[in-house]
Protein backbone atom coordinates (compact mmCIF):
# COMPACT_ATOMS: atom_id res chain seq x y z
CA MET A 1 59.78 3.21 8.34
CA SER A 2 58.13 0.24 6.73
CA ALA A 3 57.66 -0.04 2.94
CA ARG A 4 54.11 0.82 1.83
CA ARG A 5 52.20 -2.17 0.61
CA PRO A 6 51.04 -1.85 -3.10
CA THR A 7 47.21 -1.38 -3.34
CA ALA A 8 45.04 -2.98 -5.90
CA ARG A 9 44.97 0.27 -7.75
CA ALA A 10 48.68 0.57 -8.39
CA THR A 11 51.39 -1.54 -10.05
CA ALA A 12 54.92 -1.64 -8.80
CA SER A 13 55.86 1.38 -11.02
CA GLY A 14 52.90 3.45 -9.47
CA VAL A 15 50.92 3.40 -12.69
CA ALA A 16 47.19 2.58 -12.17
CA ALA A 17 46.38 -0.86 -13.26
CA LYS A 18 43.43 -1.53 -15.69
CA ARG A 19 40.71 -3.72 -14.36
CA ALA A 20 38.93 -5.67 -17.13
CA VAL A 21 35.31 -6.47 -16.98
CA VAL A 22 34.07 -9.69 -18.44
CA GLY A 23 31.91 -8.97 -21.54
CA MET A 24 28.25 -9.75 -21.67
CA ASP A 25 28.46 -12.60 -24.12
CA GLN A 26 30.97 -14.41 -21.89
CA ALA A 27 28.87 -13.87 -18.88
CA VAL A 28 25.73 -15.17 -20.51
CA GLN A 29 27.76 -18.28 -21.56
CA GLU A 30 29.53 -19.15 -18.47
CA LEU A 31 27.46 -17.99 -15.50
CA ARG A 32 24.76 -20.07 -14.10
CA THR A 33 23.02 -19.14 -10.82
CA LEU A 34 21.28 -15.92 -9.91
CA ARG A 35 24.05 -15.26 -7.29
CA ASP A 36 26.71 -15.45 -10.18
CA CYS A 37 24.67 -13.16 -12.31
CA LEU A 38 24.11 -10.62 -9.58
CA ARG A 39 27.89 -10.58 -8.74
CA HIS A 40 28.80 -9.86 -12.46
CA ALA A 41 25.98 -7.32 -12.54
CA CYS A 42 27.48 -5.43 -9.68
CA THR A 43 30.86 -5.47 -11.29
CA ARG A 44 29.49 -4.04 -14.45
CA LEU A 45 27.44 -1.35 -12.84
CA SER A 46 30.31 -0.42 -10.43
CA ALA A 47 32.77 -0.19 -13.41
CA ALA A 48 30.29 2.14 -15.27
CA ALA A 49 30.43 4.69 -12.40
CA LEU A 50 26.70 5.14 -12.51
CA ALA A 51 24.72 7.48 -10.22
CA TYR A 52 22.08 6.19 -7.83
CA GLY A 53 19.31 7.74 -5.75
CA GLN A 54 16.26 7.20 -7.73
CA GLY A 55 14.95 4.11 -5.92
CA THR A 56 18.21 2.57 -4.81
CA ASP A 57 21.42 3.92 -3.48
CA ASN A 58 24.02 1.26 -4.42
CA ALA A 59 25.14 -1.15 -7.13
CA TRP A 60 23.90 -4.37 -5.47
CA ASP A 61 20.36 -3.18 -4.83
CA GLU A 62 20.09 -1.87 -8.34
CA ALA A 63 21.17 -5.26 -9.82
CA VAL A 64 18.68 -7.13 -7.37
CA TRP A 65 15.83 -4.84 -8.54
CA LEU A 66 16.69 -5.37 -12.27
CA ALA A 67 17.16 -9.06 -11.74
CA LEU A 68 13.86 -9.71 -9.95
CA TRP A 69 11.92 -7.62 -12.34
CA SER A 70 13.45 -9.29 -15.35
CA LEU A 71 12.76 -12.74 -13.78
CA HIS A 72 9.20 -11.82 -12.90
CA LEU A 73 9.93 -12.56 -9.13
CA PRO A 74 8.58 -10.68 -6.05
CA PRO A 75 10.54 -7.35 -5.70
CA ASP A 76 11.37 -7.77 -1.95
CA ARG A 77 12.68 -11.37 -1.79
CA VAL A 78 15.90 -12.34 -3.47
CA GLU A 79 17.42 -14.73 -0.95
CA PRO A 80 15.38 -17.87 -1.79
CA PHE A 81 16.49 -17.58 -5.40
CA LEU A 82 20.07 -16.73 -5.21
CA ASP A 83 21.28 -20.43 -6.05
CA ALA A 84 18.69 -20.90 -8.62
CA ARG A 85 20.08 -21.81 -12.11
CA LEU A 86 18.89 -19.30 -14.82
CA THR A 87 18.17 -20.38 -18.37
CA ARG A 88 20.41 -19.01 -21.14
CA ASP A 89 17.50 -16.75 -22.24
CA GLU A 90 16.88 -15.52 -18.64
CA ARG A 91 20.66 -14.53 -18.31
CA LYS A 92 20.64 -12.87 -21.67
CA SER A 93 17.57 -10.84 -20.88
CA PHE A 94 18.98 -9.66 -17.44
CA PHE A 95 22.37 -8.81 -18.83
CA GLU A 96 20.86 -6.87 -21.61
CA LEU A 97 19.03 -4.74 -19.14
CA ILE A 98 22.29 -4.19 -17.14
CA GLU A 99 24.03 -3.09 -20.36
CA ARG A 100 21.18 -0.66 -21.06
CA ARG A 101 21.53 0.77 -17.68
CA CYS A 102 25.31 1.21 -18.10
CA ARG A 103 25.25 2.45 -21.86
CA GLU A 104 22.25 4.68 -21.87
CA ARG A 105 22.49 5.95 -18.22
CA LEU A 106 18.67 5.71 -17.91
CA PRO A 107 17.25 5.26 -14.33
CA ALA A 108 16.16 1.73 -13.52
CA ALA A 109 12.56 2.92 -13.08
CA TYR A 110 12.40 4.04 -16.52
CA LEU A 111 13.98 0.90 -17.97
CA THR A 112 11.40 -1.37 -16.09
CA GLY A 113 8.41 1.18 -16.31
CA GLU A 114 7.81 0.91 -12.52
CA ALA A 115 8.94 2.23 -9.11
CA TRP A 116 8.29 0.99 -5.61
CA LEU A 117 7.64 3.51 -2.65
CA ARG A 118 7.05 2.17 0.76
CA GLY A 119 5.64 -1.10 -0.59
CA LEU A 120 3.41 0.44 -3.31
CA ARG A 121 3.98 -0.05 -6.95
CA PHE A 122 3.78 2.88 -9.37
CA ARG A 123 4.08 3.19 -13.10
CA ALA A 124 7.00 5.36 -13.98
CA ASP A 125 8.20 6.78 -17.18
CA PRO A 126 9.70 10.25 -18.37
CA ARG A 127 6.34 11.78 -18.16
CA ALA A 128 6.97 12.52 -14.53
CA ILE A 129 9.76 12.39 -11.71
CA ILE A 130 10.34 8.94 -10.44
CA PRO A 131 8.41 8.35 -7.11
CA ARG A 132 10.75 8.71 -4.17
CA SER A 133 9.42 11.41 -1.91
CA LEU A 134 10.16 11.40 1.65
CA ILE A 135 6.76 12.82 2.35
CA VAL A 136 5.35 9.30 2.08
CA GLU A 137 7.63 8.00 4.79
CA ALA A 138 6.65 11.05 7.13
CA MET A 139 3.09 10.22 6.67
CA GLU A 140 3.64 6.83 7.93
CA GLU A 141 6.15 7.52 10.65
CA THR A 142 6.06 11.05 12.16
CA LEU A 143 3.20 13.24 10.86
CA ASP A 144 0.72 11.70 13.33
CA ASP A 145 2.53 13.44 16.31
CA TRP A 146 1.62 16.81 14.84
CA LEU A 147 -2.03 16.00 13.81
CA ALA A 148 -2.87 15.20 17.50
CA GLY A 149 -5.39 12.52 16.64
CA ARG A 150 -7.26 14.72 14.15
CA GLU A 151 -6.85 13.08 10.69
CA PRO A 152 -7.33 15.35 7.75
CA ASP A 153 -10.53 15.27 5.82
CA ASP A 154 -9.30 17.24 2.82
CA ILE A 155 -5.77 17.01 1.41
CA LEU A 156 -4.24 18.95 -1.45
CA ASP A 157 -1.05 17.47 -3.26
CA LEU A 158 0.73 20.23 -5.15
CA CYS A 159 3.20 19.29 -7.93
CA THR A 160 1.68 15.71 -7.95
CA GLY A 161 3.67 14.39 -10.81
CA GLY A 162 2.73 10.68 -11.38
CA GLY A 163 0.54 10.97 -8.39
CA SER A 164 2.49 8.78 -5.80
CA ILE A 165 2.09 11.14 -2.90
CA ALA A 166 -1.68 11.85 -3.60
CA ILE A 167 -2.22 8.01 -3.72
CA SER A 168 -0.30 7.21 -0.70
CA ALA A 169 -2.26 9.90 1.16
CA ALA A 170 -5.54 8.45 -0.01
CA LEU A 171 -4.58 5.05 1.22
CA ARG A 172 -3.03 6.51 4.61
CA PHE A 173 -6.15 8.57 5.34
CA ALA A 174 -8.98 6.46 4.34
CA GLN A 175 -11.67 8.97 4.98
CA ALA A 176 -9.93 11.88 3.22
CA ARG A 177 -10.67 13.40 -0.12
CA VAL A 178 -7.51 14.26 -2.00
CA ASP A 179 -7.04 16.89 -4.80
CA ALA A 180 -3.81 16.65 -6.89
CA VAL A 181 -2.52 19.46 -9.09
CA ASP A 182 0.23 19.61 -11.64
CA LEU A 183 1.20 22.08 -14.46
CA SER A 184 2.06 19.15 -16.76
CA GLU A 185 -0.55 17.33 -18.68
CA GLN A 186 1.74 14.42 -19.36
CA ALA A 187 2.37 13.94 -15.65
CA LEU A 188 -1.22 14.08 -15.03
CA SER A 189 -1.88 11.26 -17.59
CA LEU A 190 0.55 9.05 -15.75
CA ALA A 191 -1.18 9.97 -12.40
CA ALA A 192 -4.53 8.89 -13.90
CA GLU A 193 -3.02 5.59 -14.83
CA ASN A 194 -1.65 5.12 -11.27
CA LEU A 195 -4.93 6.18 -9.70
CA ALA A 196 -6.56 3.41 -11.77
CA ASP A 197 -4.09 0.92 -10.68
CA HIS A 198 -4.67 1.60 -7.02
CA GLN A 199 -8.44 2.03 -7.53
CA VAL A 200 -8.67 5.39 -5.88
CA GLN A 201 -10.15 7.38 -8.73
CA ASP A 202 -13.34 8.13 -6.68
CA ARG A 203 -11.29 9.77 -3.90
CA VAL A 204 -8.52 11.54 -5.75
CA ASN A 205 -9.24 14.46 -8.15
CA LEU A 206 -6.61 15.42 -10.64
CA TYR A 207 -6.42 19.25 -11.73
CA HIS A 208 -4.26 20.76 -14.48
CA GLY A 209 -2.83 24.18 -13.68
CA ASP A 210 -0.34 26.22 -11.74
CA LEU A 211 -0.17 25.52 -8.09
CA PHE A 212 -3.38 26.85 -6.38
CA ALA A 213 -5.02 28.30 -9.40
CA PRO A 214 -7.15 25.20 -10.35
CA ILE A 215 -8.66 24.65 -6.99
CA GLY A 216 -10.47 28.13 -6.54
CA ASP A 217 -11.56 28.79 -3.06
CA ARG A 218 -11.24 25.33 -1.73
CA GLN A 219 -9.53 24.83 1.77
CA TYR A 220 -7.65 21.89 3.14
CA ASP A 221 -6.56 20.46 6.49
CA LEU A 222 -3.16 19.36 4.83
CA ILE A 223 -1.19 20.45 1.86
CA LEU A 224 1.62 18.15 0.67
CA CYS A 225 4.17 19.23 -1.93
CA ASN A 226 7.29 17.96 -3.26
CA PRO A 227 8.18 20.85 -5.52
CA PRO A 228 11.17 21.61 -7.76
CA TYR A 229 13.90 22.71 -5.36
CA VAL A 230 17.21 21.92 -6.79
CA ASN A 231 19.49 25.13 -6.80
CA SER A 232 21.15 26.16 -10.10
CA ALA A 233 24.54 25.21 -9.17
CA SER A 234 23.36 21.65 -8.28
CA MET A 235 21.34 21.33 -11.44
CA ARG A 236 24.58 22.08 -13.49
CA LYS A 237 26.23 18.99 -11.70
CA LEU A 238 23.38 16.53 -12.06
CA PRO A 239 24.36 13.28 -13.60
CA ALA A 240 22.76 11.76 -16.71
CA GLU A 241 20.16 9.62 -14.63
CA PHE A 242 18.68 12.67 -13.08
CA LEU A 243 18.78 14.66 -16.28
CA ALA A 244 16.61 11.90 -17.85
CA GLU A 245 13.76 13.33 -15.52
CA PRO A 246 11.61 16.33 -16.42
CA ASP A 247 13.89 19.42 -15.53
CA THR A 248 10.67 21.22 -14.63
CA ALA A 249 10.20 18.81 -11.75
CA LEU A 250 13.72 19.41 -10.42
CA ALA A 251 15.06 23.03 -11.16
CA GLY A 252 14.09 25.50 -8.37
CA GLY A 253 16.04 28.56 -9.68
CA ASN A 254 19.23 30.24 -8.33
CA ASP A 255 18.61 29.17 -4.69
CA GLY A 256 16.07 26.46 -5.27
CA MET A 257 13.37 28.45 -3.69
CA ASP A 258 11.67 30.13 -6.70
CA LEU A 259 8.45 28.01 -6.53
CA ILE A 260 8.49 27.63 -2.72
CA ARG A 261 8.25 31.45 -2.34
CA ARG A 262 4.93 31.29 -4.29
CA ILE A 263 3.72 28.18 -2.31
CA LEU A 264 4.31 29.87 1.11
CA ALA A 265 2.73 33.22 -0.12
CA ASP A 266 -0.53 31.54 -1.19
CA ALA A 267 -0.83 28.65 1.24
CA PRO A 268 -2.56 30.33 4.04
CA LYS A 269 -5.69 30.99 1.94
CA ALA A 270 -5.92 27.32 1.00
CA LEU A 271 -5.44 26.02 4.59
CA ARG A 272 -8.14 25.79 7.19
CA ASP A 273 -7.48 26.87 10.60
CA GLY A 274 -5.06 24.51 12.26
CA GLY A 275 -3.98 23.16 8.90
CA PHE A 276 -0.46 22.30 7.96
CA LEU A 277 1.81 22.43 4.87
CA LEU A 278 4.19 19.48 4.54
CA LEU A 279 7.06 20.54 2.11
CA GLU A 280 9.97 18.59 0.88
CA ILE A 281 13.22 20.53 0.49
CA GLY A 282 15.77 17.90 0.12
CA HIS A 283 19.26 19.06 0.78
CA GLU A 284 18.32 22.69 0.56
CA ALA A 285 17.87 23.50 4.24
CA PRO A 286 20.60 26.18 4.07
CA PHE A 287 18.80 27.97 1.16
CA PHE A 288 15.47 27.43 2.84
CA GLU A 289 16.40 29.11 6.08
CA ALA A 290 18.16 32.02 4.43
CA ALA A 291 15.12 32.72 2.15
CA PHE A 292 12.51 32.48 4.95
CA ASP A 293 14.44 33.62 8.07
CA SER A 294 11.35 35.09 9.68
CA LEU A 295 9.28 31.98 9.45
CA GLU A 296 8.67 29.68 12.51
CA PHE A 297 8.63 26.06 11.34
CA ALA A 298 9.51 22.42 12.31
CA TYR A 299 11.67 19.88 10.48
CA LEU A 300 10.26 16.35 10.25
CA PRO A 301 13.06 13.83 10.61
CA VAL A 302 13.05 10.73 8.12
CA ALA A 303 15.70 8.08 7.56
CA ALA A 304 17.47 10.14 4.87
CA GLY A 305 18.09 13.16 7.25
CA GLU A 306 16.75 15.52 10.01
CA ASP A 307 16.19 18.66 7.81
CA GLN A 308 14.69 17.54 4.44
CA LEU A 309 11.01 18.07 5.34
CA VAL A 310 9.41 21.29 6.49
CA LEU A 311 6.16 21.28 8.51
CA VAL A 312 4.46 24.71 8.92
CA SER A 313 0.99 25.63 10.03
CA ARG A 314 -1.34 28.10 8.79
CA GLU A 315 -1.03 30.18 11.81
CA GLN A 316 2.84 30.25 11.54
CA LEU A 317 2.52 31.36 7.92
CA LEU A 318 0.13 34.18 8.69
CA ALA A 319 2.35 35.23 11.54
CA ALA A 320 5.30 35.53 9.15
CA GLY A 321 3.33 37.79 6.90
CA TYR A 322 2.26 35.20 4.30
CA GLY A 323 -1.26 35.88 3.11
CA ALA A 324 -1.49 38.79 5.78
CA THR A 325 0.74 41.24 7.44
CA LEU A 326 1.02 40.13 10.98
CA GLY A 327 4.04 40.06 13.31
CA LYS A 328 7.49 38.50 12.93
CA PRO A 329 7.82 35.13 14.75
CA ARG A 330 10.80 33.21 15.82
CA ARG A 331 11.85 30.20 13.88
CA ARG A 332 11.39 26.73 15.65
CA ARG A 333 14.41 24.52 15.80
């Protein structure tokens, strides 16, 4: 049997070795190019054992995002600048941002005040959850297959938060009128700022209230909703970055389905014949299927997974007894 080769994590005695990270002052003093600074930032972020998933999913992308924002550079082009030399003040500003990210465990979007979703910039701060909904991807990539060439004239965005889904819908469906509802006045104030930035105030109406209550008897061709759906066990394990977001935008009760039960119950009366509800459920598919085992529906695949978005029609909701007491259908797989 050959001897096992020591790894980088172990000394000859088997005791884990300590790996030092160069401090910010030394990095500011000695590093020069953006490439150098990004490498150090990745080292610092990785050593801090941060959580990702609110715009990026790894230390490199997070470092690039913060660097480009700090340097007032385009957010999608780092390669042309990698070998550019940074001034001392530029290095200091960037590394201070990295230190805040590590020390305070705030999401990058809250540090910069902005988030990017499918090429669109949105203001982001603790008034609302950081824009990252998979619904926007589905509207661009897979929803058309179900609309069968009939674009929606009236769209409702429930739990709109900072308005990113409503704005994306207005830009995707240029002829549509969009209503957006949220229970949080603070979130709606952020949404209003985003509407102004994208110049869609004349086509997107904001309503304050609880789910369908503010819209009265209006009906829609398409309802979009990214509700709070994180189950209680997962909420207790959330890292600091996610706890920085409003918990009312995340917590969905014991099985994550508390608000979704109410949405399914009331959606039929707000949908026109042939209308659809597109609902984000994240990683809660097992809980969704257990809670709504008589409901026929479809999953819309996105890059993040095959079962994180639910699409259900008004007719399927009615057949399952939501909004009326009609039959019990099969669930579509």
